[in-house]
């Protein structure tokens, strides 16, 4: 487990303490589903993520990428090893995290504006201030909606928005309370190629403005290289980090960046590592699927 001097972090606000340069520290983490005889999802997982860094995690299907998300956010405890976030050991769900998924999960009975306001109504640190200064919070929502091109759609319900617009709203909701850590689980995977590329630019623009630490789980290698400072490759199950690629391509990146030889070289290198892991999966005996 983590070092004994680490204090426990579950529901403790972080605005009143300094954030260390290493925001996320994963050390020797193992996760087994279903008890001692269950499925070993990840084993010997090590990762250090700096404050403000944009990290992408790629790997073959079933390698434990989604399990990594659950571990870092405190939704499941590790079987062994330790996870430190913002200088404290993770022992339960974190309030300093914003999350967005492949499905936008917007509440259908709330407008776009109301959906983005939701974290202010739920997160305790904001909920009390909201009663006293609602206009300031509402102005922040309008500003963020304008940034992602939804300024004229605040009064629309989710079913009145396209898939790309719903995902923009989902990103706004994940970021509106200015979390220290943004977790993205295949957020653009269900979108067409053109919309997906548009949202890469939207996310990059917001990240360049706010510099929040980000962990992106994706199967799209172009997406990983376009967005991330560092790309980690996970092995076949049980998942562990088998490669780390530091991405020095200049920002802001554009669609033209994806045609550069350097960009293509990184994508091909990642693909070869994952292809090698996929071959191992085919040769290995069948196991129960990883959740």
C-alpha atoms as a PDB file:
ATOM      1  CA  UNK A   1       0.000   0.000   0.000  1.00  0.00           C
ATOM      2  CA  UNK A   2       1.010   3.661  -0.099  1.00  0.00           C
ATOM      3  CA  UNK A   3       3.471   5.110   2.363  1.00  0.00           C
ATOM      4  CA  UNK A   4       2.252   5.307   5.937  1.00  0.00           C
ATOM      5  CA  UNK A   5       2.629   9.084   6.158  1.00  0.00           C
ATOM      6  CA  UNK A   6       0.053   9.627   3.404  1.00  0.00           C
ATOM      7  CA  UNK A   7      -3.259  10.870   4.735  1.00  0.00           C
ATOM      8  CA  UNK A   8      -6.590   9.662   3.406  1.00  0.00           C
ATOM      9  CA  UNK A   9      -8.378  11.499   0.604  1.00  0.00           C
ATOM     10  CA  UNK A  10     -12.007  10.780  -0.097  1.00  0.00           C
ATOM     11  CA  UNK A  11     -14.283  13.773   0.342  1.00  0.00           C
ATOM     12  CA  UNK A  12     -11.787  16.415   1.453  1.00  0.00           C
ATOM     13  CA  UNK A  13     -11.877  19.715  -0.500  1.00  0.00           C
ATOM     14  CA  UNK A  14      -8.483  20.650  -1.914  1.00  0.00           C
ATOM     15  CA  UNK A  15      -8.762  24.374  -2.483  1.00  0.00           C
ATOM     16  CA  UNK A  16      -7.041  25.123   0.840  1.00  0.00           C
ATOM     17  CA  UNK A  17      -3.832  23.164   0.249  1.00  0.00           C
ATOM     18  CA  UNK A  18      -1.054  23.283  -2.331  1.00  0.00           C
ATOM     19  CA  UNK A  19      -1.083  20.671  -5.083  1.00  0.00           C
ATOM     20  CA  UNK A  20       2.204  18.785  -5.526  1.00  0.00           C
ATOM     21  CA  UNK A  21       3.975  18.708  -8.887  1.00  0.00           C
ATOM     22  CA  UNK A  22       3.061  15.015  -9.200  1.00  0.00           C
ATOM     23  CA  UNK A  23      -0.721  14.996  -9.071  1.00  0.00           C
ATOM     24  CA  UNK A  24      -1.314  11.259  -9.622  1.00  0.00           C
ATOM     25  CA  UNK A  25       1.082   8.580  -8.362  1.00  0.00           C
ATOM     26  CA  UNK A  26       0.139   4.943  -9.026  1.00  0.00           C
ATOM     27  CA  UNK A  27       2.567   2.460  -7.502  1.00  0.00           C
ATOM     28  CA  UNK A  28       2.515  -1.335  -7.846  1.00  0.00           C
ATOM     29  CA  UNK A  29      -1.272  -1.441  -8.205  1.00  0.00           C
ATOM     30  CA  UNK A  30      -3.109  -4.706  -8.630  1.00  0.00           C
ATOM     31  CA  UNK A  31      -6.854  -5.127  -9.125  1.00  0.00           C
ATOM     32  CA  UNK A  32      -8.612  -8.473  -9.062  1.00  0.00           C
ATOM     33  CA  UNK A  33     -12.351  -8.771  -9.635  1.00  0.00           C
ATOM     34  CA  UNK A  34     -14.278 -11.541  -7.880  1.00  0.00           C
ATOM     35  CA  UNK A  35     -11.992 -12.377  -4.964  1.00  0.00           C
ATOM     36  CA  UNK A  36      -8.871 -14.527  -4.806  1.00  0.00           C
ATOM     37  CA  UNK A  37      -9.885 -16.762  -7.694  1.00  0.00           C
ATOM     38  CA  UNK A  38     -11.315 -13.973  -9.827  1.00  0.00           C
ATOM     39  CA  UNK A  39     -10.072 -12.111 -12.885  1.00  0.00           C
ATOM     40  CA  UNK A  40      -6.788 -10.242 -12.505  1.00  0.00           C
ATOM     41  CA  UNK A  41      -7.490  -6.990 -14.363  1.00  0.00           C
ATOM     42  CA  UNK A  42      -4.263  -5.066 -13.708  1.00  0.00           C
ATOM     43  CA  UNK A  43      -1.047  -6.057 -11.991  1.00  0.00           C
ATOM     44  CA  UNK A  44       2.134  -4.124 -11.190  1.00  0.00           C
ATOM     45  CA  UNK A  45       0.627  -0.906 -12.586  1.00  0.00           C
ATOM     46  CA  UNK A  46       2.923   2.119 -12.167  1.00  0.00           C
ATOM     47  CA  UNK A  47       2.300   5.658 -13.417  1.00  0.00           C
ATOM     48  CA  UNK A  48       3.208   9.206 -12.390  1.00  0.00           C
ATOM     49  CA  UNK A  49       1.276  12.145 -13.830  1.00  0.00           C
ATOM     50  CA  UNK A  50       2.375  15.748 -13.354  1.00  0.00           C
ATOM     51  CA  UNK A  51       0.023  18.555 -12.452  1.00  0.00           C
ATOM     52  CA  UNK A  52      -1.354  20.072 -15.665  1.00  0.00           C
ATOM     53  CA  UNK A  53      -0.183  17.161 -17.829  1.00  0.00           C
ATOM     54  CA  UNK A  54      -2.421  15.668 -20.547  1.00  0.00           C
ATOM     55  CA  UNK A  55      -1.994  11.886 -20.546  1.00  0.00           C
ATOM     56  CA  UNK A  56      -3.533   9.342 -22.910  1.00  0.00           C
ATOM     57  CA  UNK A  57      -3.743   5.612 -22.158  1.00  0.00           C
ATOM     58  CA  UNK A  58      -4.040   3.130 -25.022  1.00  0.00           C
ATOM     59  CA  UNK A  59      -3.879  -0.641 -25.300  1.00  0.00           C
ATOM     60  CA  UNK A  60      -5.646  -3.753 -26.600  1.00  0.00           C
ATOM     61  CA  UNK A  61      -9.270  -4.421 -25.707  1.00  0.00           C
ATOM     62  CA  UNK A  62      -9.693  -5.843 -22.227  1.00  0.00           C
ATOM     63  CA  UNK A  63      -6.327  -4.587 -20.965  1.00  0.00           C
ATOM     64  CA  UNK A  64      -7.825  -2.770 -17.974  1.00  0.00           C
ATOM     65  CA  UNK A  65      -8.021   0.844 -19.219  1.00  0.00           C
ATOM     66  CA  UNK A  66     -11.478   1.346 -17.718  1.00  0.00           C
ATOM     67  CA  UNK A  67     -10.319  -0.336 -14.511  1.00  0.00           C
ATOM     68  CA  UNK A  68      -7.569   2.290 -14.351  1.00  0.00           C
ATOM     69  CA  UNK A  69     -10.235   5.004 -14.463  1.00  0.00           C
ATOM     70  CA  UNK A  70     -12.152   3.411 -11.597  1.00  0.00           C
ATOM     71  CA  UNK A  71      -9.007   3.028  -9.518  1.00  0.00           C
ATOM     72  CA  UNK A  72      -7.811   6.622  -9.911  1.00  0.00           C
ATOM     73  CA  UNK A  73     -11.222   8.100  -9.122  1.00  0.00           C
ATOM     74  CA  UNK A  74     -11.660   5.887  -6.065  1.00  0.00           C
ATOM     75  CA  UNK A  75     -14.688   4.020  -7.403  1.00  0.00           C
ATOM     76  CA  UNK A  76     -12.959   0.689  -6.722  1.00  0.00           C
ATOM     77  CA  UNK A  77     -10.099   0.024  -4.259  1.00  0.00           C
ATOM     78  CA  UNK A  78      -6.913  -1.703  -5.434  1.00  0.00           C
ATOM     79  CA  UNK A  79      -6.285  -5.268  -4.352  1.00  0.00           C
ATOM     80  CA  UNK A  80      -2.665  -4.290  -3.735  1.00  0.00           C
ATOM     81  CA  UNK A  81      -0.443  -1.255  -4.197  1.00  0.00           C
ATOM     82  CA  UNK A  82      -1.216   2.410  -3.619  1.00  0.00           C
ATOM     83  CA  UNK A  83      -2.708   5.396  -5.430  1.00  0.00           C
ATOM     84  CA  UNK A  84      -1.875   8.951  -4.344  1.00  0.00           C
ATOM     85  CA  UNK A  85      -3.832  11.876  -5.808  1.00  0.00           C
ATOM     86  CA  UNK A  86      -2.994  15.457  -4.838  1.00  0.00           C
ATOM     87  CA  UNK A  87      -0.666  14.170  -2.117  1.00  0.00           C
ATOM     88  CA  UNK A  88      -3.185  11.931  -0.362  1.00  0.00           C
ATOM     89  CA  UNK A  89      -3.985   8.260  -0.575  1.00  0.00           C
ATOM     90  CA  UNK A  90      -7.209   7.488  -2.433  1.00  0.00           C
ATOM     91  CA  UNK A  91      -9.643   5.605  -0.213  1.00  0.00           C
ATOM     92  CA  UNK A  92     -12.993   6.536  -1.739  1.00  0.00           C
ATOM     93  CA  UNK A  93     -14.660   8.552  -4.513  1.00  0.00           C
ATOM     94  CA  UNK A  94     -12.908  11.876  -5.160  1.00  0.00           C
ATOM     95  CA  UNK A  95     -14.608  15.251  -5.379  1.00  0.00           C
ATOM     96  CA  UNK A  96     -11.703  16.865  -7.233  1.00  0.00           C
ATOM     97  CA  UNK A  97     -12.452  14.897 -10.418  1.00  0.00           C
ATOM     98  CA  UNK A  98     -14.545  15.723 -13.477  1.00  0.00           C
ATOM     99  CA  UNK A  99     -15.584  12.827 -15.730  1.00  0.00           C
ATOM    100  CA  UNK A 100     -16.914  12.413 -19.261  1.00  0.00           C
ATOM    101  CA  UNK A 101     -17.803   9.158 -20.979  1.00  0.00           C
ATOM    102  CA  UNK A 102     -18.579   7.801 -24.437  1.00  0.00           C
ATOM    103  CA  UNK A 103     -22.278   8.406 -23.747  1.00  0.00           C
ATOM    104  CA  UNK A 104     -22.981  12.007 -22.668  1.00  0.00           C
ATOM    105  CA  UNK A 105     -25.381  10.903 -19.864  1.00  0.00           C
ATOM    106  CA  UNK A 106     -27.146  14.276 -19.872  1.00  0.00           C
ATOM    107  CA  UNK A 107     -30.358  14.435 -17.838  1.00  0.00           C
ATOM    108  CA  UNK A 108     -33.162  14.518 -20.434  1.00  0.00           C
ATOM    109  CA  UNK A 109     -35.502  16.669 -18.315  1.00  0.00           C
ATOM    110  CA  UNK A 110     -32.923  19.449 -17.930  1.00  0.00           C
ATOM    111  CA  UNK A 111     -31.867  21.955 -20.549  1.00  0.00           C
ATOM    112  CA  UNK A 112     -28.260  22.199 -21.709  1.00  0.00           C
ATOM    113  CA  UNK A 113     -27.720  25.146 -19.357  1.00  0.00           C
ATOM    114  CA  UNK A 114     -29.296  23.287 -16.435  1.00  0.00           C
ATOM    115  CA  UNK A 115     -27.211  20.169 -17.127  1.00  0.00           C
ATOM    116  CA  UNK A 116     -23.989  22.184 -17.016  1.00  0.00           C
ATOM    117  CA  UNK A 117     -25.131  23.901 -13.800  1.00  0.00           C
ATOM    118  CA  UNK A 118     -25.608  20.532 -12.097  1.00  0.00           C
ATOM    119  CA  UNK A 119     -22.108  20.204 -10.514  1.00  0.00           C
ATOM    120  CA  UNK A 120     -22.580  23.582  -8.810  1.00  0.00           C
ATOM    121  CA  UNK A 121     -25.772  22.219  -7.244  1.00  0.00           C
ATOM    122  CA  UNK A 122     -24.105  18.982  -6.095  1.00  0.00           C
ATOM    123  CA  UNK A 123     -20.521  19.812  -5.067  1.00  0.00           C
ATOM    124  CA  UNK A 124     -20.725  21.033  -1.487  1.00  0.00           C
ATOM    125  CA  UNK A 125     -18.117  23.774  -1.844  1.00  0.00           C
ATOM    126  CA  UNK A 126     -20.208  25.408  -4.578  1.00  0.00           C
ATOM    127  CA  UNK A 127     -23.711  24.528  -3.428  1.00  0.00           C
ATOM    128  CA  UNK A 128     -23.719  26.964  -0.512  1.00  0.00           C
ATOM    129  CA  UNK A 129     -22.170  29.792  -2.561  1.00  0.00           C
ATOM    130  CA  UNK A 130     -24.689  29.213  -5.342  1.00  0.00           C
ATOM    131  CA  UNK A 131     -27.510  30.374  -3.100  1.00  0.00           C
ATOM    132  CA  UNK A 132     -25.730  33.694  -2.467  1.00  0.00           C
ATOM    133  CA  UNK A 133     -24.215  34.375  -5.875  1.00  0.00           C
ATOM    134  CA  UNK A 134     -26.210  32.510  -8.527  1.00  0.00           C
ATOM    135  CA  UNK A 135     -25.601  35.190 -11.178  1.00  0.00           C
ATOM    136  CA  UNK A 136     -21.821  34.674 -11.051  1.00  0.00           C
ATOM    137  CA  UNK A 137     -22.186  30.914 -11.454  1.00  0.00           C
ATOM    138  CA  UNK A 138     -24.673  31.313 -14.280  1.00  0.00           C
ATOM    139  CA  UNK A 139     -22.303  33.712 -16.046  1.00  0.00           C
ATOM    140  CA  UNK A 140     -19.521  31.110 -15.834  1.00  0.00           C
ATOM    141  CA  UNK A 141     -21.787  28.500 -17.430  1.00  0.00           C
ATOM    142  CA  UNK A 142     -22.684  30.879 -20.269  1.00  0.00           C
ATOM    143  CA  UNK A 143     -18.998  31.666 -20.860  1.00  0.00           C
ATOM    144  CA  UNK A 144     -18.049  27.998 -21.075  1.00  0.00           C
ATOM    145  CA  UNK A 145     -20.980  27.212 -23.378  1.00  0.00           C
ATOM    146  CA  UNK A 146     -19.853  30.066 -25.633  1.00  0.00           C
ATOM    147  CA  UNK A 147     -16.318  28.633 -25.670  1.00  0.00           C
ATOM    148  CA  UNK A 148     -17.524  25.276 -27.047  1.00  0.00           C
ATOM    149  CA  UNK A 149     -19.994  26.798 -29.510  1.00  0.00           C
ATOM    150  CA  UNK A 150     -23.175  26.124 -27.523  1.00  0.00           C
ATOM    151  CA  UNK A 151     -23.939  29.688 -26.503  1.00  0.00           C
ATOM    152  CA  UNK A 152     -27.197  29.699 -28.472  1.00  0.00           C
ATOM    153  CA  UNK A 153     -28.322  26.263 -27.280  1.00  0.00           C
ATOM    154  CA  UNK A 154     -28.498  26.694 -23.511  1.00  0.00           C
ATOM    155  CA  UNK A 155     -32.289  26.413 -23.489  1.00  0.00           C
ATOM    156  CA  UNK A 156     -32.359  23.240 -25.625  1.00  0.00           C
ATOM    157  CA  UNK A 157     -32.974  19.805 -24.170  1.00  0.00           C
ATOM    158  CA  UNK A 158     -30.537  16.952 -24.892  1.00  0.00           C
ATOM    159  CA  UNK A 159     -32.868  15.329 -27.400  1.00  0.00           C
ATOM    160  CA  UNK A 160     -32.796  18.558 -29.417  1.00  0.00           C
ATOM    161  CA  UNK A 161     -28.993  18.433 -29.790  1.00  0.00           C
ATOM    162  CA  UNK A 162     -26.794  16.442 -32.174  1.00  0.00           C
ATOM    163  CA  UNK A 163     -24.421  13.829 -30.768  1.00  0.00           C
ATOM    164  CA  UNK A 164     -21.483  16.216 -31.052  1.00  0.00           C
ATOM    165  CA  UNK A 165     -23.394  18.976 -29.267  1.00  0.00           C
ATOM    166  CA  UNK A 166     -24.368  16.613 -26.470  1.00  0.00           C
ATOM    167  CA  UNK A 167     -20.726  15.652 -26.004  1.00  0.00           C
ATOM    168  CA  UNK A 168     -19.700  19.326 -25.898  1.00  0.00           C
ATOM    169  CA  UNK A 169     -22.284  19.850 -23.162  1.00  0.00           C
ATOM    170  CA  UNK A 170     -20.961  16.794 -21.320  1.00  0.00           C
ATOM    171  CA  UNK A 171     -17.428  18.239 -21.416  1.00  0.00           C
ATOM    172  CA  UNK A 172     -18.732  21.539 -20.059  1.00  0.00           C
ATOM    173  CA  UNK A 173     -20.496  19.763 -17.208  1.00  0.00           C
ATOM    174  CA  UNK A 174     -17.308  17.839 -16.359  1.00  0.00           C
ATOM    175  CA  UNK A 175     -15.219  21.029 -16.306  1.00  0.00           C
ATOM    176  CA  UNK A 176     -17.527  23.740 -14.995  1.00  0.00           C
ATOM    177  CA  UNK A 177     -16.511  23.288 -11.333  1.00  0.00           C
ATOM    178  CA  UNK A 178     -12.803  23.497 -12.323  1.00  0.00           C
ATOM    179  CA  UNK A 179     -11.711  20.023 -11.150  1.00  0.00           C
ATOM    180  CA  UNK A 180      -8.030  19.342 -10.546  1.00  0.00           C
ATOM    181  CA  UNK A 181      -8.301  16.154 -12.611  1.00  0.00           C
ATOM    182  CA  UNK A 182     -10.377  15.412 -15.722  1.00  0.00           C
ATOM    183  CA  UNK A 183     -10.992  11.736 -16.543  1.00  0.00           C
ATOM    184  CA  UNK A 184     -12.142  10.933 -20.087  1.00  0.00           C
ATOM    185  CA  UNK A 185     -13.288   7.422 -20.986  1.00  0.00           C
ATOM    186  CA  UNK A 186     -13.614   7.166 -24.804  1.00  0.00           C
ATOM    187  CA  UNK A 187     -15.538  10.480 -24.872  1.00  0.00           C
ATOM    188  CA  UNK A 188     -15.602  10.767 -28.680  1.00  0.00           C
ATOM    189  CA  UNK A 189     -15.781   7.068 -29.571  1.00  0.00           C
ATOM    190  CA  UNK A 190     -19.437   7.126 -30.682  1.00  0.00           C
ATOM    191  CA  UNK A 191     -19.060  10.158 -32.979  1.00  0.00           C
ATOM    192  CA  UNK A 192     -18.328  10.337 -36.693  1.00  0.00           C
ATOM    193  CA  UNK A 193     -14.768  11.168 -37.758  1.00  0.00           C
ATOM    194  CA  UNK A 194     -15.440  14.819 -38.624  1.00  0.00           C
ATOM    195  CA  UNK A 195     -17.248  15.586 -35.366  1.00  0.00           C
ATOM    196  CA  UNK A 196     -14.582  13.745 -33.399  1.00  0.00           C
ATOM    197  CA  UNK A 197     -11.824  15.883 -34.918  1.00  0.00           C
ATOM    198  CA  UNK A 198     -13.794  19.065 -34.182  1.00  0.00           C
ATOM    199  CA  UNK A 199     -14.055  18.044 -30.539  1.00  0.00           C
ATOM    200  CA  UNK A 200     -10.328  17.359 -30.342  1.00  0.00           C
ATOM    201  CA  UNK A 201      -9.864  21.050 -31.072  1.00  0.00           C
ATOM    202  CA  UNK A 202     -12.539  22.063 -28.560  1.00  0.00           C
ATOM    203  CA  UNK A 203     -10.918  20.007 -25.800  1.00  0.00           C
ATOM    204  CA  UNK A 204      -7.415  21.212 -26.691  1.00  0.00           C
ATOM    205  CA  UNK A 205      -8.578  24.845 -26.614  1.00  0.00           C
ATOM    206  CA  UNK A 206     -10.113  24.499 -23.142  1.00  0.00           C
ATOM    207  CA  UNK A 207      -7.082  22.587 -21.838  1.00  0.00           C
ATOM    208  CA  UNK A 208      -4.687  25.250 -23.124  1.00  0.00           C
ATOM    209  CA  UNK A 209      -6.775  27.899 -21.337  1.00  0.00           C
ATOM    210  CA  UNK A 210      -7.175  26.086 -18.012  1.00  0.00           C
ATOM    211  CA  UNK A 211      -4.240  23.617 -17.801  1.00  0.00           C
ATOM    212  CA  UNK A 212      -6.168  20.940 -15.870  1.00  0.00           C
ATOM    213  CA  UNK A 213      -4.581  17.504 -15.482  1.00  0.00           C
ATOM    214  CA  UNK A 214      -6.213  15.041 -17.865  1.00  0.00           C
ATOM    215  CA  UNK A 215      -6.264  11.271 -18.268  1.00  0.00           C
ATOM    216  CA  UNK A 216      -7.790  10.165 -21.570  1.00  0.00           C
ATOM    217  CA  UNK A 217      -8.564   6.497 -22.208  1.00  0.00           C
ATOM    218  CA  UNK A 218      -8.987   5.858 -25.931  1.00  0.00           C
ATOM    219  CA  UNK A 219      -8.679   3.259 -28.695  1.00  0.00           C
ATOM    220  CA  UNK A 220      -7.999   5.998 -31.249  1.00  0.00           C
ATOM    221  CA  UNK A 221      -4.233   6.354 -31.586  1.00  0.00           C
ATOM    222  CA  UNK A 222      -4.504   9.537 -33.666  1.00  0.00           C
ATOM    223  CA  UNK A 223      -6.650  11.055 -30.926  1.00  0.00           C
ATOM    224  CA  UNK A 224      -4.080  10.089 -28.277  1.00  0.00           C
ATOM    225  CA  UNK A 225      -1.179  11.638 -30.206  1.00  0.00           C
ATOM    226  CA  UNK A 226      -3.179  14.742 -31.146  1.00  0.00           C
ATOM    227  CA  UNK A 227      -4.196  15.564 -27.580  1.00  0.00           C
ATOM    228  CA  UNK A 228      -1.644  14.141 -25.157  1.00  0.00           C
ATOM    229  CA  UNK A 229       1.701  15.247 -23.758  1.00  0.00           C
ATOM    230  CA  UNK A 230       2.420  11.635 -22.811  1.00  0.00           C
ATOM    231  CA  UNK A 231       0.964   8.405 -24.205  1.00  0.00           C
ATOM    232  CA  UNK A 232       1.081   5.244 -22.084  1.00  0.00           C
ATOM    233  CA  UNK A 233       0.618   1.794 -23.633  1.00  0.00           C
ATOM    234  CA  UNK A 234      -0.916  -0.952 -21.507  1.00  0.00           C
ATOM    235  CA  UNK A 235      -0.195  -4.639 -21.943  1.00  0.00           C
ATOM    236  CA  UNK A 236      -2.709  -7.401 -22.505  1.00  0.00           C
ATOM    237  CA  UNK A 237      -4.516  -8.515 -19.340  1.00  0.00           C
ATOM    238  CA  UNK A 238      -3.418  -8.281 -16.626  1.00  0.00           C
ATOM    239  CA  UNK A 239      -2.731  -4.692 -17.592  1.00  0.00           C
ATOM    240  CA  UNK A 240       0.546  -2.958 -16.823  1.00  0.00           C
ATOM    241  CA  UNK A 241       2.418  -0.102 -18.487  1.00  0.00           C
ATOM    242  CA  UNK A 242       4.767  -1.471 -21.173  1.00  0.00           C
ATOM    243  CA  UNK A 243       5.672   1.775 -22.957  1.00  0.00           C
ATOM    244  CA  UNK A 244       5.659   5.528 -22.349  1.00  0.00           C
ATOM    245  CA  UNK A 245       5.955   8.009 -25.223  1.00  0.00           C
ATOM    246  CA  UNK A 246       6.616  11.692 -24.547  1.00  0.00           C
ATOM    247  CA  UNK A 247       4.966  13.750 -27.281  1.00  0.00           C
ATOM    248  CA  UNK A 248       6.879  16.926 -28.139  1.00  0.00           C
ATOM    249  CA  UNK A 249       4.752  17.982 -31.120  1.00  0.00           C
ATOM    250  CA  UNK A 250       4.130  21.741 -30.758  1.00  0.00           C
ATOM    251  CA  UNK A 251       0.776  23.173 -29.661  1.00  0.00           C
ATOM    252  CA  UNK A 252      -1.762  24.176 -30.640  1.00  0.00           C
ATOM    253  CA  UNK A 253      -2.035  21.129 -32.849  1.00  0.00           C
ATOM    254  CA  UNK A 254      -4.222  21.279 -35.941  1.00  0.00           C
ATOM    255  CA  UNK A 255      -5.548  18.804 -38.479  1.00  0.00           C
ATOM    256  CA  UNK A 256      -2.460  19.564 -40.566  1.00  0.00           C
ATOM    257  CA  UNK A 257      -0.366  18.226 -37.662  1.00  0.00           C
ATOM    258  CA  UNK A 258      -1.799  14.763 -38.287  1.00  0.00           C
ATOM    259  CA  UNK A 259      -0.107  14.662 -41.709  1.00  0.00           C
ATOM    260  CA  UNK A 260       3.366  15.402 -40.381  1.00  0.00           C
ATOM    261  CA  UNK A 261       5.890  12.516 -40.594  1.00  0.00           C
ATOM    262  CA  UNK A 262       6.590  12.883 -36.856  1.00  0.00           C
ATOM    263  CA  UNK A 263       2.898  12.433 -36.038  1.00  0.00           C
ATOM    264  CA  UNK A 264       2.568   9.396 -38.287  1.00  0.00           C
ATOM    265  CA  UNK A 265       5.710   7.860 -36.841  1.00  0.00           C
ATOM    266  CA  UNK A 266       4.367   8.059 -33.283  1.00  0.00           C
ATOM    267  CA  UNK A 267       1.020   6.532 -34.322  1.00  0.00           C
ATOM    268  CA  UNK A 268       2.749   3.646 -36.133  1.00  0.00           C
ATOM    269  CA  UNK A 269       5.032   2.994 -33.154  1.00  0.00           C
ATOM    270  CA  UNK A 270       2.062   2.798 -30.778  1.00  0.00           C
ATOM    271  CA  UNK A 271       0.143   0.578 -33.185  1.00  0.00           C
ATOM    272  CA  UNK A 272       3.025  -1.894 -33.405  1.00  0.00           C
ATOM    273  CA  UNK A 273       3.240  -2.184 -29.627  1.00  0.00           C
ATOM    274  CA  UNK A 274      -0.502  -2.790 -29.329  1.00  0.00           C
ATOM    275  CA  UNK A 275      -0.479  -5.245 -32.241  1.00  0.00           C
ATOM    276  CA  UNK A 276       2.180  -7.249 -30.415  1.00  0.00           C
ATOM    277  CA  UNK A 277      -0.015  -7.349 -27.316  1.00  0.00           C
ATOM    278  CA  UNK A 278      -3.058  -8.386 -29.376  1.00  0.00           C
ATOM    279  CA  UNK A 279      -1.099 -11.341 -30.773  1.00  0.00           C
ATOM    280  CA  UNK A 280      -0.385 -12.430 -27.197  1.00  0.00           C
ATOM    281  CA  UNK A 281      -4.104 -12.260 -26.380  1.00  0.00           C
ATOM    282  CA  UNK A 282      -4.920 -14.609 -29.294  1.00  0.00           C
ATOM    283  CA  UNK A 283      -2.309 -17.107 -28.142  1.00  0.00           C
ATOM    284  CA  UNK A 284      -3.326 -17.004 -24.474  1.00  0.00           C
ATOM    285  CA  UNK A 285      -6.001 -19.331 -22.980  1.00  0.00           C
ATOM    286  CA  UNK A 286      -9.486 -17.851 -22.782  1.00  0.00           C
ATOM    287  CA  UNK A 287     -10.320 -15.988 -19.547  1.00  0.00           C
ATOM    288  CA  UNK A 288     -13.335 -14.286 -18.074  1.00  0.00           C
ATOM    289  CA  UNK A 289     -13.755 -10.734 -19.508  1.00  0.00           C
ATOM    290  CA  UNK A 290     -12.319  -7.782 -17.590  1.00  0.00           C
ATOM    291  CA  UNK A 291     -14.828  -5.239 -16.409  1.00  0.00           C
END
